[in-house]
Amino acid sequence: MFEPSHRNPESKYTRFLRIFTLIMTLLYPALGIFLIFSSQEQVRLDENIKLILGIVLLIYGIIRFVRVYKQHFKPRRDRFSNEE
């Protein structure tokens, strides 16, 4: 009568959300690296501000990637998963 949610196939919205969050976690560090190594003609900011903003984006992207990986891609080990 009632199917557990872990047996239902993944919905299109969930799949889209998983891919979107993964792309965003890769975009933040890429933007940070771009800011760190960009020239003054590419991005017209003070060098110190570009460096700080680039490092913040790089660290935020790494932290976000770890959280997204744990939430969407790492298999869960619930303590109630073996009970029926």
C-alpha atoms as a PDB file:
ATOM      1  CA  MET A   1       0.000   0.000   0.000  1.00  0.00           C
ATOM      2  CA  PHE A   2       2.644   2.540   1.018  1.00  0.00           C
ATOM      3  CA  GLU A   3       5.999   2.544  -0.750  1.00  0.00           C
ATOM      4  CA  PRO A   4       8.985   3.893   1.172  1.00  0.00           C
ATOM      5  CA  SER A   5      10.394   7.063  -0.384  1.00  0.00           C
ATOM      6  CA  HIS A   6      13.844   5.556  -0.955  1.00  0.00           C
ATOM      7  CA  ARG A   7      12.364   3.135  -3.524  1.00  0.00           C
ATOM      8  CA  ASN A   8      10.703   5.826  -5.642  1.00  0.00           C
ATOM      9  CA  PRO A   9      12.639   6.888  -8.727  1.00  0.00           C
ATOM     10  CA  GLU A  10      14.343  10.237  -8.636  1.00  0.00           C
ATOM     11  CA  SER A  11      12.066  13.038  -9.829  1.00  0.00           C
ATOM     12  CA  LYS A  12      13.059  15.438 -12.602  1.00  0.00           C
ATOM     13  CA  TYR A  13      13.067  18.339 -10.162  1.00  0.00           C
ATOM     14  CA  THR A  14      15.425  16.516  -7.786  1.00  0.00           C
ATOM     15  CA  ARG A  15      17.748  15.597 -10.642  1.00  0.00           C
ATOM     16  CA  PHE A  16      17.716  19.208 -11.913  1.00  0.00           C
ATOM     17  CA  LEU A  17      18.402  20.535  -8.418  1.00  0.00           C
ATOM     18  CA  ARG A  18      21.294  18.128  -7.956  1.00  0.00           C
ATOM     19  CA  ILE A  19      22.904  19.117 -11.261  1.00  0.00           C
ATOM     20  CA  PHE A  20      22.296  22.849 -10.701  1.00  0.00           C
ATOM     21  CA  THR A  21      23.861  22.834  -7.236  1.00  0.00           C
ATOM     22  CA  LEU A  22      26.839  20.879  -8.538  1.00  0.00           C
ATOM     23  CA  ILE A  23      27.371  23.380 -11.358  1.00  0.00           C
ATOM     24  CA  MET A  24      27.152  26.288  -8.913  1.00  0.00           C
ATOM     25  CA  THR A  25      29.688  24.680  -6.585  1.00  0.00           C
ATOM     26  CA  LEU A  26      32.101  24.477  -9.512  1.00  0.00           C
ATOM     27  CA  LEU A  27      31.337  28.024 -10.660  1.00  0.00           C
ATOM     28  CA  TYR A  28      32.290  29.719  -7.366  1.00  0.00           C
ATOM     29  CA  PRO A  29      35.897  28.414  -7.258  1.00  0.00           C
ATOM     30  CA  ALA A  30      36.286  29.059 -10.996  1.00  0.00           C
ATOM     31  CA  LEU A  31      35.249  32.683 -10.510  1.00  0.00           C
ATOM     32  CA  GLY A  32      37.580  32.967  -7.523  1.00  0.00           C
ATOM     33  CA  ILE A  33      40.537  31.631  -9.515  1.00  0.00           C
ATOM     34  CA  PHE A  34      39.666  33.992 -12.367  1.00  0.00           C
ATOM     35  CA  LEU A  35      39.650  36.974  -9.995  1.00  0.00           C
ATOM     36  CA  ILE A  36      42.951  35.977  -8.417  1.00  0.00           C
ATOM     37  CA  PHE A  37      44.786  35.648 -11.735  1.00  0.00           C
ATOM     38  CA  SER A  38      42.979  38.330 -13.775  1.00  0.00           C
ATOM     39  CA  SER A  39      44.748  41.435 -14.987  1.00  0.00           C
ATOM     40  CA  GLN A  40      43.748  45.008 -14.215  1.00  0.00           C
ATOM     41  CA  GLU A  41      42.251  45.368 -17.721  1.00  0.00           C
ATOM     42  CA  GLN A  42      39.981  42.341 -17.260  1.00  0.00           C
ATOM     43  CA  VAL A  43      38.604  43.311 -13.846  1.00  0.00           C
ATOM     44  CA  ARG A  44      38.944  46.899 -12.720  1.00  0.00           C
ATOM     45  CA  LEU A  45      39.266  46.420  -8.985  1.00  0.00           C
ATOM     46  CA  ASP A  46      42.107  47.040  -6.580  1.00  0.00           C
ATOM     47  CA  GLU A  47      44.540  44.095  -6.529  1.00  0.00           C
ATOM     48  CA  ASN A  48      44.001  43.486  -2.789  1.00  0.00           C
ATOM     49  CA  ILE A  49      40.221  43.446  -3.180  1.00  0.00           C
ATOM     50  CA  LYS A  50      40.449  41.024  -6.116  1.00  0.00           C
ATOM     51  CA  LEU A  51      42.730  38.733  -4.131  1.00  0.00           C
ATOM     52  CA  ILE A  52      40.509  38.751  -1.028  1.00  0.00           C
ATOM     53  CA  LEU A  53      37.306  38.269  -3.027  1.00  0.00           C
ATOM     54  CA  GLY A  54      38.922  35.501  -5.077  1.00  0.00           C
ATOM     55  CA  ILE A  55      40.065  33.639  -1.963  1.00  0.00           C
ATOM     56  CA  VAL A  56      36.640  34.009  -0.323  1.00  0.00           C
ATOM     57  CA  LEU A  57      34.898  32.643  -3.438  1.00  0.00           C
ATOM     58  CA  LEU A  58      37.386  29.773  -3.658  1.00  0.00           C
ATOM     59  CA  ILE A  59      36.898  28.770  -0.015  1.00  0.00           C
ATOM     60  CA  TYR A  60      33.116  29.180  -0.241  1.00  0.00           C
ATOM     61  CA  GLY A  61      33.030  26.979  -3.345  1.00  0.00           C
ATOM     62  CA  ILE A  62      35.011  24.241  -1.629  1.00  0.00           C
ATOM     63  CA  ILE A  63      32.799  24.327   1.481  1.00  0.00           C
ATOM     64  CA  ARG A  64      29.674  24.334  -0.672  1.00  0.00           C
ATOM     65  CA  PHE A  65      30.967  21.383  -2.720  1.00  0.00           C
ATOM     66  CA  VAL A  66      31.534  19.322   0.426  1.00  0.00           C
ATOM     67  CA  ARG A  67      28.019  20.094   1.692  1.00  0.00           C
ATOM     68  CA  VAL A  68      26.395  19.302  -1.671  1.00  0.00           C
ATOM     69  CA  TYR A  69      28.375  16.075  -1.961  1.00  0.00           C
ATOM     70  CA  LYS A  70      27.291  14.942   1.497  1.00  0.00           C
ATOM     71  CA  GLN A  71      23.663  15.867   0.843  1.00  0.00           C
ATOM     72  CA  HIS A  72      23.149  14.560  -2.691  1.00  0.00           C
ATOM     73  CA  PHE A  73      25.862  12.088  -3.626  1.00  0.00           C
ATOM     74  CA  LYS A  74      27.124  10.305  -0.519  1.00  0.00           C
ATOM     75  CA  PRO A  75      25.103   7.211   0.393  1.00  0.00           C
ATOM     76  CA  ARG A  76      23.201   7.736   3.601  1.00  0.00           C
ATOM     77  CA  ARG A  77      23.509   5.334   6.473  1.00  0.00           C
ATOM     78  CA  ASP A  78      20.368   5.893   8.450  1.00  0.00           C
ATOM     79  CA  ARG A  79      20.077   3.925  11.631  1.00  0.00           C
ATOM     80  CA  PHE A  80      16.499   2.967  10.749  1.00  0.00           C
ATOM     81  CA  SER A  81      17.254   1.777   7.206  1.00  0.00           C
ATOM     82  CA  ASN A  82      17.485  -1.902   8.197  1.00  0.00           C
ATOM     83  CA  GLU A  83      14.146  -1.967   9.998  1.00  0.00           C
ATOM     84  CA  GLU A  84      11.032  -2.969   8.120  1.00  0.00           C
END
